Amino acid sequence: MISNKMVLCYLFILALSFVLPGCVQDKYNKGAENVDFTNIGGFTDPNGQARIRLIVYSGEAELENIKSYADRLGCGMLFAYFYPESTDRNEIPIEELESSRSFVEAREILFKGEGYGKWHFAAQCLGLIPTVTDCQERSISTNCR
C-alpha cells in the first residue's frame, strides 16, 4: 500500500514538471519577442556532417536570445554566425560560402576572407549543448573573426 507521504511526493514531482519548464522557457525567451532571425545562407559538407549557418537578426539581441535560437538549430558539428540586420549584405560571404567545396574552405572564407564584416555572435555545437559567444565582448574567442 502506498503511504500518504509517497502520494504527496509524487504529486509534488508532478506539479514541478508543469511549473519548471515554464520558468526555463521564460528565462530563454526574455526579450525574444523583439528579435527576429533570418537564415540567409549556409554550407553543409558533402557528407552532411558539418553545417555552417549565416543568420541575420533584427532588434536588440542579447546573448540569451542567441542561445535560445541556437538551441533550436540542433547540434552535431553546427557553426552559426549572427550578424545584425544593419550589416551590409556585401560584407557577408553568402555566395562564397554556399559555393565552397569543403568545410575547411568554407571556414577559411569566413575567417580569412578579405572584405567581409565581423559577426556579432557565434554559436558552435559539437555535442549536445551549443556554445555561444558575444564577439564584441570576447573578440579573441576562436568563434570570432
Protein backbone atom coordinates (compact mmCIF):
# COMPACT_ATOMS: atom_id res chain seq x y z
CA MET A 1 0.00 0.00 0.00
CA ILE A 2 1.28 3.48 -0.83
CA SER A 3 1.72 5.83 2.10
CA ASN A 4 0.36 9.37 2.19
CA LYS A 5 3.91 10.75 2.12
CA MET A 6 4.68 8.92 -1.11
CA VAL A 7 1.48 10.18 -2.71
CA LEU A 8 2.35 13.75 -1.69
CA CYS A 9 5.86 13.28 -3.04
CA TYR A 10 4.53 12.07 -6.42
CA LEU A 11 2.08 14.95 -6.59
CA PHE A 12 4.86 17.42 -5.79
CA ILE A 13 7.07 15.99 -8.55
CA LEU A 14 4.17 16.09 -10.99
CA ALA A 15 3.48 19.73 -10.12
CA LEU A 16 7.15 20.63 -10.64
CA SER A 17 7.13 19.01 -14.06
CA PHE A 18 4.49 21.53 -15.13
CA VAL A 19 5.95 24.60 -13.40
CA LEU A 20 9.71 24.33 -14.12
CA PRO A 21 9.54 24.16 -17.94
CA GLY A 22 7.57 27.41 -17.93
CA CYS A 23 10.22 29.10 -15.79
CA VAL A 24 13.03 27.91 -18.03
CA GLN A 25 11.14 28.96 -21.16
CA ASP A 26 10.63 32.47 -19.77
CA LYS A 27 14.35 32.78 -18.99
CA TYR A 28 15.43 31.93 -22.53
CA ASN A 29 12.73 33.97 -24.25
CA LYS A 30 13.41 37.14 -22.25
CA GLY A 31 13.14 39.91 -24.82
CA ALA A 32 12.91 37.40 -27.68
CA GLU A 33 9.64 38.88 -28.90
CA ASN A 34 11.64 41.88 -30.16
CA VAL A 35 14.25 39.83 -32.03
CA ASP A 36 13.66 38.18 -35.41
CA PHE A 37 16.11 35.74 -37.01
CA THR A 38 16.56 35.07 -40.73
CA ASN A 39 18.78 32.33 -42.15
CA ILE A 40 20.45 33.98 -45.16
CA GLY A 41 22.86 31.27 -46.25
CA GLY A 42 25.00 28.38 -45.27
CA PHE A 43 27.14 25.43 -46.08
CA THR A 44 26.75 21.71 -45.46
CA ASP A 45 29.66 19.41 -46.22
CA PRO A 46 29.04 16.68 -48.83
CA ASN A 47 28.67 14.02 -46.11
CA GLY A 48 26.11 16.13 -44.24
CA GLN A 49 28.22 16.07 -41.09
CA ALA A 50 29.31 19.71 -40.67
CA ARG A 51 26.97 22.65 -41.13
CA ILE A 52 27.57 26.39 -41.16
CA ARG A 53 24.67 28.85 -40.97
CA LEU A 54 24.72 32.60 -41.59
CA ILE A 55 21.92 34.35 -39.73
CA VAL A 56 20.77 37.96 -39.59
CA TYR A 57 18.88 39.21 -36.57
CA SER A 58 16.80 42.32 -36.09
CA GLY A 59 16.15 44.06 -32.81
CA GLU A 60 18.28 44.34 -29.71
CA ALA A 61 19.57 40.78 -29.37
CA GLU A 62 21.26 39.70 -26.17
CA LEU A 63 23.31 36.59 -25.55
CA GLU A 64 20.26 34.79 -24.10
CA ASN A 65 18.26 35.46 -27.30
CA ILE A 66 21.03 33.95 -29.40
CA LYS A 67 21.35 30.95 -27.07
CA SER A 68 17.63 30.29 -27.28
CA TYR A 69 17.68 30.42 -31.08
CA ALA A 70 20.87 28.33 -31.31
CA ASP A 71 19.21 25.63 -29.18
CA ARG A 72 16.59 25.24 -31.91
CA LEU A 73 19.17 24.79 -34.68
CA GLY A 74 20.32 21.43 -33.40
CA CYS A 75 23.86 20.17 -32.89
CA GLY A 76 26.28 17.77 -34.48
CA MET A 77 29.05 19.93 -35.98
CA LEU A 78 26.93 23.07 -36.30
CA PHE A 79 28.50 26.51 -36.56
CA ALA A 80 26.26 29.58 -36.74
CA TYR A 81 27.26 33.21 -37.21
CA PHE A 82 24.87 36.02 -36.31
CA TYR A 83 25.04 39.42 -37.98
CA PRO A 84 22.98 42.48 -37.02
CA GLU A 85 20.39 43.41 -39.62
CA SER A 86 22.28 46.67 -40.27
CA THR A 87 25.26 44.74 -41.72
CA ASP A 88 25.72 45.38 -45.44
CA ARG A 89 24.95 42.09 -47.25
CA ASN A 90 28.06 42.60 -49.38
CA GLU A 91 30.09 42.17 -46.18
CA ILE A 92 28.60 38.71 -45.57
CA PRO A 93 30.12 35.93 -47.76
CA ILE A 94 26.81 34.25 -48.60
CA GLU A 95 27.55 33.14 -52.18
CA GLU A 96 31.17 32.28 -51.45
CA LEU A 97 30.19 30.09 -48.53
CA GLU A 98 27.42 28.32 -50.46
CA SER A 99 29.80 27.54 -53.33
CA SER A 100 32.54 26.14 -51.06
CA ARG A 101 33.70 22.62 -51.88
CA SER A 102 34.74 21.63 -48.38
CA PHE A 103 34.23 22.53 -44.75
CA VAL A 104 37.85 23.70 -44.49
CA GLU A 105 37.38 26.02 -47.48
CA ALA A 106 34.15 27.41 -46.01
CA ARG A 107 35.85 28.15 -42.66
CA GLU A 108 38.78 29.84 -44.44
CA ILE A 109 36.36 32.10 -46.31
CA LEU A 110 34.69 33.08 -43.05
CA PHE A 111 37.83 33.66 -41.01
CA LYS A 112 40.43 34.71 -43.59
CA GLY A 113 38.36 36.19 -46.42
CA GLU A 114 39.12 39.80 -47.26
CA GLY A 115 36.45 42.49 -47.23
CA TYR A 116 33.94 40.69 -45.01
CA GLY A 117 32.43 42.15 -41.89
CA LYS A 118 32.54 40.70 -38.43
CA TRP A 119 29.61 38.83 -36.96
CA HIS A 120 28.31 39.88 -33.56
CA PHE A 121 27.53 36.44 -32.12
CA ALA A 122 28.79 32.96 -32.92
CA ALA A 123 27.43 29.57 -31.89
CA GLN A 124 29.22 26.26 -32.08
CA CYS A 125 27.71 22.91 -31.21
CA LEU A 126 29.89 19.83 -31.41
CA GLY A 127 27.97 17.74 -28.88
CA LEU A 128 24.62 18.40 -27.31
CA ILE A 129 24.76 21.96 -25.98
CA PRO A 130 25.72 24.95 -28.15
CA THR A 131 28.48 27.29 -27.02
CA VAL A 132 27.54 30.88 -27.82
CA THR A 133 29.99 33.79 -27.85
CA ASP A 134 29.38 37.53 -27.94
CA CYS A 135 32.21 38.50 -30.27
CA GLN A 136 32.04 42.17 -29.36
CA GLU A 137 32.82 41.31 -25.75
CA ARG A 138 35.20 38.37 -26.34
CA SER A 139 36.80 39.08 -29.69
CA ILE A 140 39.76 36.77 -29.01
CA SER A 141 37.49 33.70 -28.93
CA THR A 142 38.11 31.07 -31.62
CA ASN A 143 34.43 31.54 -32.61
CA CYS A 144 35.07 35.16 -33.61
CA ARG A 145 36.63 36.82 -36.63
